[in-house]
Amino acid sequence: MRALALGSLIGALMCLSNLYVGLKTGLAFPAALIACVVGLGAQGALMKLSSSLFGPRLSLQETSAMQSAASSAGYSTGGTIVTASVGYLLLSGHHPPLWALLLWTLLGSALGVVLALPLQRAFIRREPLPFPSGLAAASVARSLHAGDESGRRGARALGAGALGAGLLAFARDGLQWLPAALALPGALLGVPLESLSFALDLTLVPLGTGALVGLRVGTSLLLGSLVCFGALAPWLLGRGMIAQPGFFGVLEWSMWPGAALVTSASFTHLALQRGLLRRTLGALFGSRPSGDSQPDAAEVPRSWFLAATAVLSLGLVAVGTVTFEIPWPLGVLGVLLSFALAAVACRATGETDITPTGPLGQLAQLVFGVLLPGNTVANAMASSLSGNIASSSADLLTDVKAGYLLGVPPRQTFLAQLWGCLVGSALIVPVFFLLVPDTSAISETRFPAPAGFFVAGVARVLSTGLGSLSEAARWGALIGGLAGVVLVLLERFAPEPVRRFVPSPIALGLAFALPASVSLSIFLGSLAAALLARWRPVLADAATVPLASGLIAGESLVSLLALLFSASS
């Protein structure tokens, strides 16, 4: 109970901060790591005030519950608000009823938690994907709890990374001494590199992420960025096939091939693992495999999954029909599509630590744009129906990964995550109504809300059907989809000497939706970690994950405080 109480408090603060940051920038902070660091630090400070009242120290199992609740409240509920809810406001000119948006946010995030249950066996226990943020959160928890030399060494690496990143973030975001990035000089095919988002990023979160995801993913992101922003974008701009330069101008085209590549690769990978999916569904609907030593009490009962899926799905369909003009058969289709996209999101997050919520939401928008031509409001809300559910699923598996490494039962993580959905939804919706009372609050000076503007723009483009897509977007989606299938087949069936050089299709596609500066920083982080592992393997084993975790946590926390201070002043 005390873990859930502390997680609720930390999650509430993170929920408000991510709402503000999302409306300002369209980005979200890595919730799992922040929750772990802030929660343990807050309890340590409280114990110094009164060890009898706030002690004893949280155990690893309590830490996992606290982190899961805070992460769910701070992250899983925000996708609907900063994307589809802003899009709804821009398209209709008014807010939906508060009760409807509250239910839509709560039911969507909770269904994402529930739909992740059959996927956790596939992506964590049968095929253990890294889930870098989950790995980092487990490392942070161990480093802060361990009393041996290894733990102290990891804690020192974590502290050094957090201190260095925090100081840099304070100088950049607090004192305004440094810019966020330094634009690179030069041009490609007559287009300035700055307009193609090529810059030297002065943030350390991407560097830490690169150290965690590894060199293959980092190199694939760099390759995808060079192909998209270094070759295709300037070529298309020169021929007038992209309306305007700049990252968001290019993104109007690049998100289509990127989303098609990520989605086709993910589904092809799943299709090639028929035995894995059969075992996954068998574990859910049939008997538990005999080789699985996890006790039944640690799992979420099958009856819980079936009942929760039915109730939450019916609730979403009802709210969508009554409030958002989504016919109930298409609401059911949206829920079914959400399950498929959740599998894609979980795999992408597990491999790269980047959840493709935007591309997957736009894929849902594309489907509803065909089925509901002219209904822009339903189109916008469809993106949240699938995108937010997929995001919640990936967030749950990140927490499950951390808990699994710490020996925590999946049932505990599931319950803590559901509690966080309730806390976050109850807070974020009323605050959103207060911060953004009408469309006048959505402006360049107050809340640019780029993600919401993009959802509304795509809804308008798709309101007349697929024919409204540009020729470049249609060709890009076709080629991206084929490339995803081919790369996965090469990963699986090519000879070993060739397979080593096949890029990660997930990372390659995600690079089409990220600024080139971010992909470059992630690559540099992965390269530094690889060189350290080669030259100093013992040091790399002890320090790489804690140091990378410190970079991410330190910069995120200080940047968050700087943004909140500037907002209040």
Protein backbone atom coordinates (compact mmCIF):
# COMPACT_ATOMS: atom_id res chain seq x y z
CA MET A 1 0.00 0.00 0.00
CA ARG A 2 2.78 2.46 0.80
CA ALA A 3 4.41 1.65 -2.56
CA LEU A 4 1.17 2.44 -4.38
CA ALA A 5 0.70 5.62 -2.35
CA LEU A 6 4.20 6.86 -3.19
CA GLY A 7 3.76 5.75 -6.81
CA SER A 8 0.50 7.69 -7.02
CA LEU A 9 2.18 10.86 -5.75
CA ILE A 10 5.15 10.57 -8.11
CA GLY A 11 2.84 9.58 -10.96
CA ALA A 12 0.62 12.61 -10.38
CA LEU A 13 3.60 14.94 -10.65
CA MET A 14 4.85 13.16 -13.76
CA CYS A 15 1.37 13.19 -15.27
CA LEU A 16 1.16 16.98 -14.98
CA SER A 17 4.70 17.50 -16.24
CA ASN A 18 4.23 15.24 -19.25
CA LEU A 19 0.98 17.03 -20.07
CA TYR A 20 2.78 20.37 -20.06
CA VAL A 21 5.79 19.09 -21.99
CA GLY A 22 3.56 17.26 -24.47
CA LEU A 23 1.53 20.38 -25.19
CA LYS A 24 4.73 22.38 -25.56
CA THR A 25 6.85 19.96 -27.57
CA GLY A 26 4.90 16.79 -28.34
CA LEU A 27 7.47 14.74 -26.39
CA ALA A 28 7.27 12.68 -23.20
CA PHE A 29 9.91 11.90 -20.59
CA PRO A 30 11.02 8.29 -19.87
CA ALA A 31 8.58 7.58 -17.07
CA ALA A 32 9.91 4.27 -15.73
CA LEU A 33 13.39 5.58 -14.96
CA ILE A 34 12.22 8.86 -13.47
CA ALA A 35 9.69 7.04 -11.30
CA CYS A 36 12.36 4.69 -9.94
CA VAL A 37 14.92 7.40 -9.19
CA VAL A 38 12.48 9.98 -7.82
CA GLY A 39 10.53 7.44 -5.77
CA LEU A 40 13.55 5.98 -4.01
CA GLY A 41 15.07 9.43 -3.55
CA ALA A 42 11.84 10.80 -2.09
CA GLN A 43 11.53 7.94 0.35
CA GLY A 44 15.16 8.35 1.38
CA ALA A 45 14.55 12.01 2.11
CA LEU A 46 11.39 11.21 4.08
CA MET A 47 13.23 8.58 6.13
CA LYS A 48 15.78 11.20 7.15
CA LEU A 49 12.90 13.23 8.57
CA SER A 50 11.35 10.27 10.38
CA SER A 51 12.67 6.75 9.90
CA SER A 52 9.98 5.30 12.15
CA LEU A 53 7.16 6.89 10.15
CA PHE A 54 8.45 6.45 6.59
CA GLY A 55 10.67 3.40 7.01
CA PRO A 56 11.76 0.77 6.45
CA ARG A 57 13.33 1.21 3.05
CA LEU A 58 11.27 0.05 0.06
CA SER A 59 12.13 -3.48 -0.97
CA LEU A 60 12.85 -4.29 -4.61
CA GLN A 61 9.34 -5.69 -4.96
CA GLU A 62 7.82 -2.52 -3.49
CA THR A 63 10.07 -0.42 -5.72
CA SER A 64 8.72 -2.23 -8.77
CA ALA A 65 5.11 -1.63 -7.67
CA MET A 66 5.83 2.04 -7.02
CA GLN A 67 7.52 2.43 -10.41
CA SER A 68 4.70 0.65 -12.25
CA ALA A 69 1.97 2.81 -10.72
CA ALA A 70 3.91 6.04 -11.27
CA SER A 71 4.89 5.13 -14.81
CA SER A 72 1.31 4.27 -15.75
CA ALA A 73 -0.11 7.45 -14.24
CA GLY A 74 2.62 9.64 -15.71
CA TYR A 75 2.86 8.23 -19.22
CA SER A 76 0.08 5.86 -20.32
CA THR A 77 -2.76 8.37 -19.95
CA GLY A 78 -1.10 11.29 -21.73
CA GLY A 79 -1.14 10.09 -25.34
CA THR A 80 -4.86 10.66 -25.79
CA ILE A 81 -4.70 14.19 -24.40
CA VAL A 82 -1.77 15.67 -26.33
CA THR A 83 -2.77 14.06 -29.64
CA ALA A 84 -6.39 13.15 -30.30
CA SER A 85 -7.97 15.44 -27.69
CA VAL A 86 -6.15 18.46 -29.10
CA GLY A 87 -7.08 17.27 -32.59
CA TYR A 88 -10.74 17.01 -31.55
CA LEU A 89 -10.64 20.56 -30.19
CA LEU A 90 -9.08 21.93 -33.37
CA LEU A 91 -11.48 20.07 -35.66
CA SER A 92 -14.72 20.68 -33.76
CA GLY A 93 -13.94 23.99 -32.06
CA HIS A 94 -14.96 22.74 -28.60
CA HIS A 95 -14.12 20.10 -26.02
CA PRO A 96 -16.07 16.87 -25.67
CA PRO A 97 -17.92 16.43 -22.38
CA LEU A 98 -15.50 15.99 -19.50
CA TRP A 99 -17.03 12.66 -18.47
CA ALA A 100 -16.61 11.30 -22.01
CA LEU A 101 -12.95 12.26 -22.30
CA LEU A 102 -12.30 10.93 -18.81
CA LEU A 103 -13.84 7.56 -19.68
CA TRP A 104 -12.12 7.48 -23.08
CA THR A 105 -8.71 8.09 -21.49
CA LEU A 106 -9.22 5.65 -18.62
CA LEU A 107 -10.71 2.82 -20.67
CA GLY A 108 -8.13 3.16 -23.44
CA SER A 109 -5.09 3.13 -21.16
CA ALA A 110 -6.54 0.27 -19.10
CA LEU A 111 -7.28 -1.81 -22.21
CA GLY A 112 -3.67 -1.30 -23.29
CA VAL A 113 -2.58 -2.77 -19.98
CA VAL A 114 -4.91 -5.75 -20.40
CA LEU A 115 -4.00 -6.46 -24.03
CA ALA A 116 -0.31 -6.62 -23.11
CA LEU A 117 -0.90 -9.67 -20.92
CA PRO A 118 -0.64 -12.31 -23.66
CA LEU A 119 2.30 -10.45 -25.20
CA GLN A 120 4.48 -10.45 -22.08
CA ARG A 121 5.08 -14.19 -22.36
CA ALA A 122 6.09 -13.81 -26.02
CA PHE A 123 8.37 -10.79 -25.71
CA ILE A 124 9.81 -11.19 -22.21
CA ARG A 125 9.84 -14.83 -21.22
CA ARG A 126 9.96 -16.79 -24.50
CA GLU A 127 11.92 -14.30 -26.58
CA PRO A 128 13.55 -11.94 -24.08
CA LEU A 129 13.72 -8.59 -25.87
CA PRO A 130 15.89 -6.02 -24.05
CA PHE A 131 13.26 -3.30 -23.31
CA PRO A 132 16.11 -0.83 -22.57
CA SER A 133 14.12 1.41 -20.21
CA GLY A 134 12.98 -1.63 -18.22
CA LEU A 135 16.55 -2.90 -18.14
CA ALA A 136 17.74 0.51 -16.99
CA ALA A 137 15.04 0.77 -14.30
CA ALA A 138 15.99 -2.64 -12.90
CA SER A 139 19.65 -1.62 -12.94
CA VAL A 140 18.87 1.61 -11.11
CA ALA A 141 16.85 -0.25 -8.46
CA ARG A 142 19.62 -2.80 -7.90
CA SER A 143 22.33 -0.13 -7.78
CA LEU A 144 20.45 1.86 -5.17
CA HIS A 145 19.64 -1.22 -3.06
CA ALA A 146 22.83 -3.24 -3.34
CA GLY A 147 25.40 -3.02 -0.59
CA ASP A 148 28.24 -4.97 -2.25
CA GLU A 149 31.13 -3.56 -4.27
CA SER A 150 29.40 -4.23 -7.57
CA GLY A 151 26.37 -2.31 -6.40
CA ARG A 152 28.50 0.55 -5.12
CA ARG A 153 30.40 0.68 -8.42
CA GLY A 154 27.15 0.75 -10.33
CA ALA A 155 25.77 3.41 -8.00
CA ARG A 156 28.86 5.57 -8.57
CA ALA A 157 28.49 5.24 -12.34
CA LEU A 158 24.81 6.06 -12.04
CA GLY A 159 25.54 9.09 -9.84
CA ALA A 160 28.28 10.37 -12.11
CA GLY A 161 26.07 10.10 -15.18
CA ALA A 162 23.12 11.73 -13.44
CA LEU A 163 25.27 14.56 -12.04
CA GLY A 164 26.95 15.34 -15.35
CA ALA A 165 23.72 15.19 -17.32
CA GLY A 166 21.90 17.24 -14.68
CA LEU A 167 24.52 19.98 -14.74
CA LEU A 168 24.38 20.13 -18.53
CA ALA A 169 20.58 20.26 -18.49
CA PHE A 170 20.63 23.00 -15.84
CA ALA A 171 23.05 25.09 -17.89
CA ARG A 172 20.99 24.55 -21.03
CA ASP A 173 17.37 24.64 -19.84
CA GLY A 174 17.65 26.43 -16.51
CA LEU A 175 20.26 29.14 -17.11
CA GLN A 176 19.78 29.26 -20.91
CA TRP A 177 23.55 29.25 -21.42
CA LEU A 178 23.45 26.60 -24.12
CA PRO A 179 21.13 25.90 -27.04
CA ALA A 180 19.37 22.56 -27.34
CA ALA A 181 21.27 21.81 -30.57
CA LEU A 182 23.91 23.27 -32.85
CA ALA A 183 22.83 23.37 -36.48
CA LEU A 184 25.28 21.79 -38.91
CA PRO A 185 26.54 24.01 -41.74
CA GLY A 186 26.22 23.11 -45.39
CA ALA A 187 23.48 21.87 -47.67
CA LEU A 188 22.33 18.79 -49.55
CA LEU A 189 21.03 19.29 -53.10
CA GLY A 190 20.60 22.95 -52.29
CA VAL A 191 18.62 22.34 -49.08
CA PRO A 192 20.31 23.58 -45.87
CA LEU A 193 21.16 20.81 -43.42
CA GLU A 194 19.40 22.76 -40.68
CA SER A 195 16.13 22.52 -42.62
CA LEU A 196 16.61 18.74 -42.80
CA SER A 197 16.95 18.50 -38.96
CA PHE A 198 20.67 17.72 -39.10
CA ALA A 199 22.24 19.18 -35.95
CA LEU A 200 24.55 18.34 -33.07
CA ASP A 201 22.12 17.55 -30.25
CA LEU A 202 23.30 18.94 -26.91
CA THR A 203 21.13 16.56 -24.90
CA LEU A 204 22.35 13.34 -23.31
CA VAL A 205 19.13 11.31 -23.22
CA PRO A 206 19.66 10.02 -26.81
CA LEU A 207 23.28 9.14 -25.98
CA GLY A 208 22.18 7.09 -22.98
CA THR A 209 19.46 5.43 -25.05
CA GLY A 210 22.03 4.49 -27.70
CA ALA A 211 24.27 2.87 -25.11
CA LEU A 212 21.32 0.71 -24.00
CA VAL A 213 19.91 -0.32 -27.38
CA GLY A 214 23.24 -1.39 -28.91
CA LEU A 215 25.26 -0.73 -32.03
CA ARG A 216 23.01 -2.54 -34.53
CA VAL A 217 19.97 -0.47 -33.64
CA GLY A 218 22.02 2.73 -33.42
CA THR A 219 23.58 2.14 -36.84
CA SER A 220 20.19 1.29 -38.33
CA LEU A 221 18.73 4.55 -37.01
CA LEU A 222 21.62 6.49 -38.51
CA LEU A 223 21.22 4.69 -41.84
CA GLY A 224 17.48 5.34 -41.93
CA SER A 225 18.05 8.99 -41.10
CA LEU A 226 20.62 9.38 -43.88
CA VAL A 227 18.31 7.69 -46.38
CA CYS A 228 15.29 9.79 -45.36
CA PHE A 229 16.68 13.22 -44.47
CA GLY A 230 20.01 13.00 -46.28
CA ALA A 231 18.84 11.65 -49.63
CA LEU A 232 15.09 11.27 -50.24
CA ALA A 233 13.87 14.46 -48.51
CA PRO A 234 16.19 16.91 -50.33
CA TRP A 235 15.49 15.11 -53.63
CA LEU A 236 11.73 15.39 -53.13
CA LEU A 237 12.02 19.00 -51.96
CA GLY A 238 13.98 19.88 -55.08
CA ARG A 239 11.18 18.48 -57.25
CA GLY A 240 8.41 20.15 -55.28
CA MET A 241 6.97 16.83 -54.03
CA ILE A 242 7.35 17.99 -50.41
CA ALA A 243 5.61 21.29 -49.77
CA GLN A 244 8.09 22.90 -47.37
CA PRO A 245 11.44 22.19 -45.70
CA GLY A 246 11.90 21.69 -41.99
CA PHE A 247 11.34 18.57 -39.91
CA PHE A 248 7.53 18.80 -39.78
CA GLY A 249 7.37 19.58 -43.47
CA VAL A 250 9.36 16.44 -44.27
CA LEU A 251 7.41 14.45 -41.67
CA GLU A 252 4.17 14.96 -43.58
CA TRP A 253 5.69 12.63 -46.19
CA SER A 254 8.22 10.54 -44.25
CA MET A 255 5.78 9.20 -41.66
CA TRP A 256 4.05 7.13 -44.36
CA PRO A 257 7.04 5.05 -45.49
CA GLY A 258 8.30 4.89 -41.91
CA ALA A 259 5.00 3.62 -40.52
CA ALA A 260 4.62 1.12 -43.37
CA LEU A 261 8.14 -0.23 -42.81
CA VAL A 262 7.72 -0.61 -39.04
CA THR A 263 4.29 -2.20 -39.34
CA SER A 264 5.10 -4.64 -42.15
CA ALA A 265 8.34 -5.69 -40.46
CA SER A 266 6.62 -6.28 -37.13
CA PHE A 267 3.79 -8.35 -38.64
CA THR A 268 6.20 -10.33 -40.82
CA HIS A 269 8.33 -11.12 -37.79
CA LEU A 270 5.26 -12.29 -35.89
CA ALA A 271 4.03 -14.35 -38.86
CA LEU A 272 7.36 -16.18 -39.01
CA GLN A 273 6.98 -17.17 -35.36
CA ARG A 274 3.84 -19.26 -35.65
CA GLY A 275 5.08 -21.61 -32.95
CA LEU A 276 5.80 -18.71 -30.59
CA LEU A 277 2.36 -17.20 -31.10
CA ARG A 278 0.77 -20.62 -30.69
CA ARG A 279 2.57 -21.09 -27.38
CA THR A 280 1.60 -17.58 -26.32
CA LEU A 281 -2.08 -18.09 -27.04
CA GLY A 282 -1.92 -21.59 -25.58
CA ALA A 283 -0.51 -20.19 -22.36
CA LEU A 284 -3.42 -17.77 -22.18
CA PHE A 285 -6.33 -19.93 -23.30
CA GLY A 286 -4.98 -23.38 -22.57
CA SER A 287 -2.77 -25.14 -20.10
CA ARG A 288 0.51 -23.70 -18.92
CA PRO A 289 3.65 -25.21 -20.53
CA SER A 290 5.22 -27.80 -18.31
CA GLY A 291 8.64 -26.22 -18.58
CA ASP A 292 7.43 -22.96 -17.08
CA SER A 293 8.41 -22.83 -13.45
CA GLN A 294 6.55 -19.62 -12.62
CA PRO A 295 3.76 -20.43 -10.12
CA ASP A 296 0.15 -19.85 -11.17
CA ALA A 297 -0.35 -17.34 -8.34
CA ALA A 298 2.18 -15.04 -10.02
CA GLU A 299 0.20 -14.89 -13.28
CA VAL A 300 -2.91 -12.89 -14.11
CA PRO A 301 -5.83 -15.34 -14.23
CA ARG A 302 -7.28 -16.04 -17.66
CA SER A 303 -10.74 -15.07 -16.40
CA TRP A 304 -9.45 -11.61 -15.47
CA PHE A 305 -8.10 -11.07 -18.97
CA LEU A 306 -11.30 -12.19 -20.71
CA ALA A 307 -13.63 -10.21 -18.43
CA ALA A 308 -11.52 -7.04 -18.53
CA THR A 309 -11.13 -7.17 -22.31
CA ALA A 310 -14.90 -7.53 -22.80
CA VAL A 311 -15.89 -4.78 -20.34
CA LEU A 312 -13.29 -2.25 -21.46
CA SER A 313 -13.92 -2.89 -25.16
CA LEU A 314 -17.68 -2.46 -24.78
CA GLY A 315 -17.14 0.71 -22.78
CA LEU A 316 -14.88 2.21 -25.45
CA VAL A 317 -17.29 1.31 -28.24
CA ALA A 318 -20.19 2.88 -26.30
CA VAL A 319 -18.33 6.14 -25.59
CA GLY A 320 -17.10 6.33 -29.19
CA THR A 321 -20.61 5.86 -30.55
CA VAL A 322 -22.34 8.31 -28.19
CA THR A 323 -19.76 11.09 -28.12
CA PHE A 324 -17.29 10.81 -31.02
CA GLU A 325 -19.58 9.78 -33.89
CA ILE A 326 -17.86 6.43 -34.41
CA PRO A 327 -20.40 3.80 -35.61
CA TRP A 328 -20.32 0.83 -33.26
CA PRO A 329 -19.17 -1.73 -35.89
CA LEU A 330 -16.17 0.48 -36.63
CA GLY A 331 -15.60 0.91 -32.92
CA VAL A 332 -15.34 -2.85 -32.60
CA LEU A 333 -12.96 -2.88 -35.58
CA GLY A 334 -10.87 -0.20 -33.86
CA VAL A 335 -10.53 -2.35 -30.74
CA LEU A 336 -9.50 -5.36 -32.81
CA LEU A 337 -6.99 -3.22 -34.69
CA SER A 338 -5.66 -2.01 -31.35
CA PHE A 339 -4.69 -5.54 -30.37
CA ALA A 340 -2.63 -5.94 -33.55
CA LEU A 341 -0.99 -2.53 -33.17
CA ALA A 342 -0.23 -3.26 -29.52
CA ALA A 343 1.83 -6.24 -30.65
CA VAL A 344 3.71 -3.98 -33.08
CA ALA A 345 4.29 -1.32 -30.40
CA CYS A 346 5.51 -3.84 -27.84
CA ARG A 347 8.00 -5.38 -30.23
CA ALA A 348 9.30 -1.99 -31.37
CA THR A 349 9.68 -0.80 -27.78
CA GLY A 350 11.35 -4.02 -26.74
CA GLU A 351 13.95 -3.75 -29.47
CA THR A 352 14.60 -0.01 -29.71
CA ASP A 353 13.07 1.58 -26.57
CA ILE A 354 11.05 3.81 -28.90
CA THR A 355 7.29 3.29 -29.06
CA PRO A 356 5.98 4.20 -32.55
CA THR A 357 2.76 5.63 -31.15
CA GLY A 358 2.54 8.33 -33.80
CA PRO A 359 3.00 6.10 -36.86
CA LEU A 360 0.65 3.46 -35.46
CA GLY A 361 -1.96 6.09 -34.65
CA GLN A 362 -1.65 7.44 -38.18
CA LEU A 363 -2.11 3.92 -39.54
CA ALA A 364 -5.40 3.76 -37.61
CA GLN A 365 -6.29 7.16 -39.04
CA LEU A 366 -5.63 5.82 -42.52
CA VAL A 367 -7.96 2.86 -41.95
CA PHE A 368 -10.76 5.07 -40.62
CA GLY A 369 -10.12 7.63 -43.35
CA VAL A 370 -11.05 4.96 -45.88
CA LEU A 371 -14.04 3.65 -43.91
CA LEU A 372 -15.37 7.04 -42.74
CA PRO A 373 -14.54 9.56 -45.47
CA GLY A 374 -15.43 13.08 -44.41
CA ASN A 375 -15.77 12.33 -40.69
CA THR A 376 -12.67 14.12 -39.40
CA VAL A 377 -13.61 13.94 -35.70
CA ALA A 378 -14.03 10.16 -35.74
CA ASN A 379 -10.79 9.90 -37.70
CA ALA A 380 -8.90 11.90 -35.08
CA MET A 381 -10.27 9.92 -32.15
CA ALA A 382 -9.49 6.64 -33.95
CA SER A 383 -5.80 7.47 -33.66
CA SER A 384 -6.13 7.57 -29.88
CA LEU A 385 -8.19 4.38 -29.81
CA SER A 386 -5.28 2.46 -31.31
CA GLY A 387 -2.24 4.62 -30.62
CA ASN A 388 -2.87 5.14 -26.91
CA ILE A 389 -3.77 1.49 -26.33
CA ALA A 390 -0.56 0.43 -28.07
CA SER A 391 1.44 2.93 -26.02
CA SER A 392 -0.04 1.64 -22.75
CA SER A 393 0.76 -1.95 -23.74
CA ALA A 394 4.37 -1.10 -24.45
CA ASP A 395 4.62 0.82 -21.18
CA LEU A 396 3.30 -2.18 -19.26
CA LEU A 397 5.84 -4.53 -20.83
CA THR A 398 8.63 -2.10 -19.97
CA ASP A 399 7.55 -2.29 -16.32
CA VAL A 400 7.06 -6.06 -16.53
CA LYS A 401 10.61 -6.38 -17.88
CA ALA A 402 11.98 -4.44 -14.93
CA GLY A 403 9.88 -6.46 -12.50
CA TYR A 404 10.85 -9.75 -14.17
CA LEU A 405 14.54 -8.92 -13.74
CA LEU A 406 13.84 -8.13 -10.08
CA GLY A 407 11.83 -11.31 -9.51
CA VAL A 408 8.46 -9.53 -9.24
CA PRO A 409 5.28 -11.47 -10.25
CA PRO A 410 3.51 -10.15 -13.38
CA ARG A 411 0.23 -9.97 -11.43
CA GLN A 412 1.63 -7.29 -9.12
CA THR A 413 2.81 -5.18 -12.05
CA PHE A 414 -0.58 -5.56 -13.75
CA LEU A 415 -2.53 -4.37 -10.70
CA ALA A 416 -0.15 -1.47 -10.03
CA GLN A 417 -0.41 -0.41 -13.67
CA LEU A 418 -4.22 -0.42 -13.59
CA TRP A 419 -4.14 1.69 -10.42
CA GLY A 420 -1.87 4.17 -12.16
CA CYS A 421 -4.29 4.43 -15.11
CA LEU A 422 -7.06 5.42 -12.69
CA VAL A 423 -4.90 8.02 -10.91
CA GLY A 424 -3.54 9.54 -14.10
CA SER A 425 -6.88 9.75 -15.90
CA ALA A 426 -8.63 11.34 -12.93
CA LEU A 427 -5.98 14.09 -12.85
CA ILE A 428 -4.92 14.76 -16.42
CA VAL A 429 -8.35 15.37 -17.97
CA PRO A 430 -9.55 18.13 -15.58
CA VAL A 431 -6.14 19.82 -15.71
CA PHE A 432 -6.20 19.71 -19.51
CA PHE A 433 -9.55 21.48 -19.50
CA LEU A 434 -8.08 24.15 -17.21
CA LEU A 435 -4.88 24.66 -19.23
CA VAL A 436 -6.63 24.60 -22.62
CA PRO A 437 -10.13 26.03 -22.15
CA ASP A 438 -10.62 26.69 -25.88
CA THR A 439 -8.78 26.82 -29.20
CA SER A 440 -7.14 30.17 -28.36
CA ALA A 441 -4.81 28.34 -25.96
CA ILE A 442 -3.41 26.29 -28.87
CA SER A 443 -0.91 28.78 -30.23
CA GLU A 444 2.78 29.13 -31.00
CA THR A 445 3.44 31.23 -27.90
CA ARG A 446 1.40 29.28 -25.34
CA PHE A 447 0.89 25.62 -26.32
CA PRO A 448 1.96 24.73 -29.87
CA ALA A 449 0.75 21.12 -29.35
CA PRO A 450 2.51 19.79 -32.48
CA ALA A 451 1.22 16.22 -32.06
CA GLY A 452 -2.39 17.41 -31.91
CA PHE A 453 -1.92 19.69 -34.92
CA PHE A 454 -0.52 16.73 -36.84
CA VAL A 455 -3.47 14.49 -35.95
CA ALA A 456 -5.90 17.18 -37.07
CA GLY A 457 -3.96 17.78 -40.28
CA VAL A 458 -3.91 14.11 -41.21
CA ALA A 459 -7.63 13.81 -40.43
CA ARG A 460 -8.36 16.66 -42.82
CA VAL A 461 -6.15 15.14 -45.53
CA LEU A 462 -7.82 11.75 -45.19
CA SER A 463 -11.36 13.12 -44.99
CA THR A 464 -11.82 12.44 -48.70
CA GLY A 465 -10.18 9.00 -48.66
CA LEU A 466 -6.87 7.57 -49.92
CA GLY A 467 -6.95 9.71 -53.03
CA SER A 468 -6.00 12.73 -50.91
CA LEU A 469 -2.58 11.26 -50.18
CA SER A 470 0.17 12.66 -52.35
CA GLU A 471 1.82 10.46 -54.94
CA ALA A 472 5.08 10.58 -53.00
CA ALA A 473 3.31 9.39 -49.83
CA ARG A 474 1.61 6.50 -51.64
CA TRP A 475 4.83 5.33 -53.25
CA GLY A 476 6.70 5.78 -49.98
CA ALA A 477 4.19 3.64 -48.10
CA LEU A 478 4.34 0.91 -50.75
CA ILE A 479 8.14 0.80 -50.86
CA GLY A 480 8.40 1.00 -47.07
CA GLY A 481 5.99 -1.89 -46.63
CA LEU A 482 7.90 -4.08 -49.09
CA ALA A 483 11.24 -3.12 -47.50
CA GLY A 484 10.01 -4.20 -44.07
CA VAL A 485 9.06 -7.66 -45.36
CA VAL A 486 12.34 -8.12 -47.25
CA LEU A 487 14.53 -7.07 -44.33
CA VAL A 488 12.81 -9.45 -41.91
CA LEU A 489 13.18 -12.31 -44.41
CA LEU A 490 16.88 -11.50 -44.76
CA GLU A 491 17.22 -11.45 -40.97
CA ARG A 492 15.71 -14.90 -40.80
CA PHE A 493 16.98 -16.75 -43.88
CA ALA A 494 20.11 -15.01 -45.21
CA PRO A 495 23.52 -16.68 -44.68
CA GLU A 496 25.26 -15.67 -41.48
CA PRO A 497 27.89 -13.41 -43.15
CA VAL A 498 25.07 -11.48 -44.84
CA ARG A 499 22.77 -11.48 -41.79
CA ARG A 500 25.33 -9.60 -39.72
CA PHE A 501 24.97 -6.57 -41.99
CA VAL A 502 21.17 -6.51 -42.26
CA PRO A 503 19.90 -3.37 -40.50
CA SER A 504 17.13 -3.52 -37.94
CA PRO A 505 13.93 -2.86 -39.92
CA ILE A 506 12.15 -1.46 -36.85
CA ALA A 507 14.90 1.07 -36.18
CA LEU A 508 15.21 1.87 -39.88
CA GLY A 509 11.52 2.74 -40.08
CA LEU A 510 11.50 4.71 -36.84
CA ALA A 511 14.33 6.90 -38.17
CA PHE A 512 11.86 8.27 -40.74
CA ALA A 513 9.79 9.74 -37.87
CA LEU A 514 12.65 11.08 -35.71
CA PRO A 515 14.74 14.23 -36.26
CA ALA A 516 18.09 13.38 -37.82
CA SER A 517 19.86 14.93 -34.83
CA VAL A 518 18.24 12.41 -32.47
CA SER A 519 19.18 9.43 -34.64
CA LEU A 520 22.75 10.72 -34.84
CA SER A 521 23.00 11.06 -31.05
CA ILE A 522 21.61 7.56 -30.47
CA PHE A 523 24.19 6.18 -32.91
CA LEU A 524 27.03 7.99 -31.13
CA GLY A 525 25.88 6.58 -27.79
CA SER A 526 25.75 3.03 -29.17
CA LEU A 527 29.18 3.46 -30.77
CA ALA A 528 30.72 4.68 -27.51
CA ALA A 529 29.28 1.71 -25.62
CA ALA A 530 30.54 -0.73 -28.27
CA LEU A 531 34.06 0.73 -28.19
CA LEU A 532 34.14 0.59 -24.39
CA ALA A 533 32.99 -3.04 -24.47
CA ARG A 534 35.80 -3.88 -26.88
CA TRP A 535 38.61 -2.01 -25.15
CA ARG A 536 37.58 -2.37 -21.48
CA PRO A 537 35.09 -5.25 -21.25
CA VAL A 538 35.17 -5.56 -17.45
CA LEU A 539 34.50 -1.86 -16.98
CA ALA A 540 31.78 -1.97 -19.64
CA ASP A 541 29.95 -4.81 -17.89
CA ALA A 542 29.92 -2.91 -14.60
CA ALA A 543 29.31 0.64 -15.77
CA THR A 544 27.58 0.87 -19.16
CA VAL A 545 23.97 0.30 -18.07
CA PRO A 546 24.17 2.35 -14.82
CA LEU A 547 26.01 5.19 -16.56
CA ALA A 548 23.53 5.29 -19.43
CA SER A 549 20.66 5.15 -16.94
CA GLY A 550 22.18 8.07 -15.05
CA LEU A 551 22.44 10.14 -18.21
CA ILE A 552 18.78 9.56 -19.01
CA ALA A 553 17.47 10.04 -15.47
CA GLY A 554 19.65 13.04 -14.58
CA GLU A 555 18.88 15.07 -17.67
CA SER A 556 15.18 14.21 -17.66
CA LEU A 557 14.69 15.23 -14.03
CA VAL A 558 16.56 18.53 -14.27
CA SER A 559 14.98 19.46 -17.61
CA LEU A 560 11.59 18.68 -16.14
CA LEU A 561 12.19 20.93 -13.12
CA ALA A 562 13.44 23.73 -15.38
CA LEU A 563 10.34 23.53 -17.56
CA LEU A 564 8.01 23.50 -14.55
CA PHE A 565 9.82 26.48 -13.01
CA SER A 566 9.61 28.45 -16.25
CA ALA A 567 5.92 27.62 -16.54
CA SER A 568 5.16 28.88 -13.05
CA SER A 569 7.17 32.11 -13.42
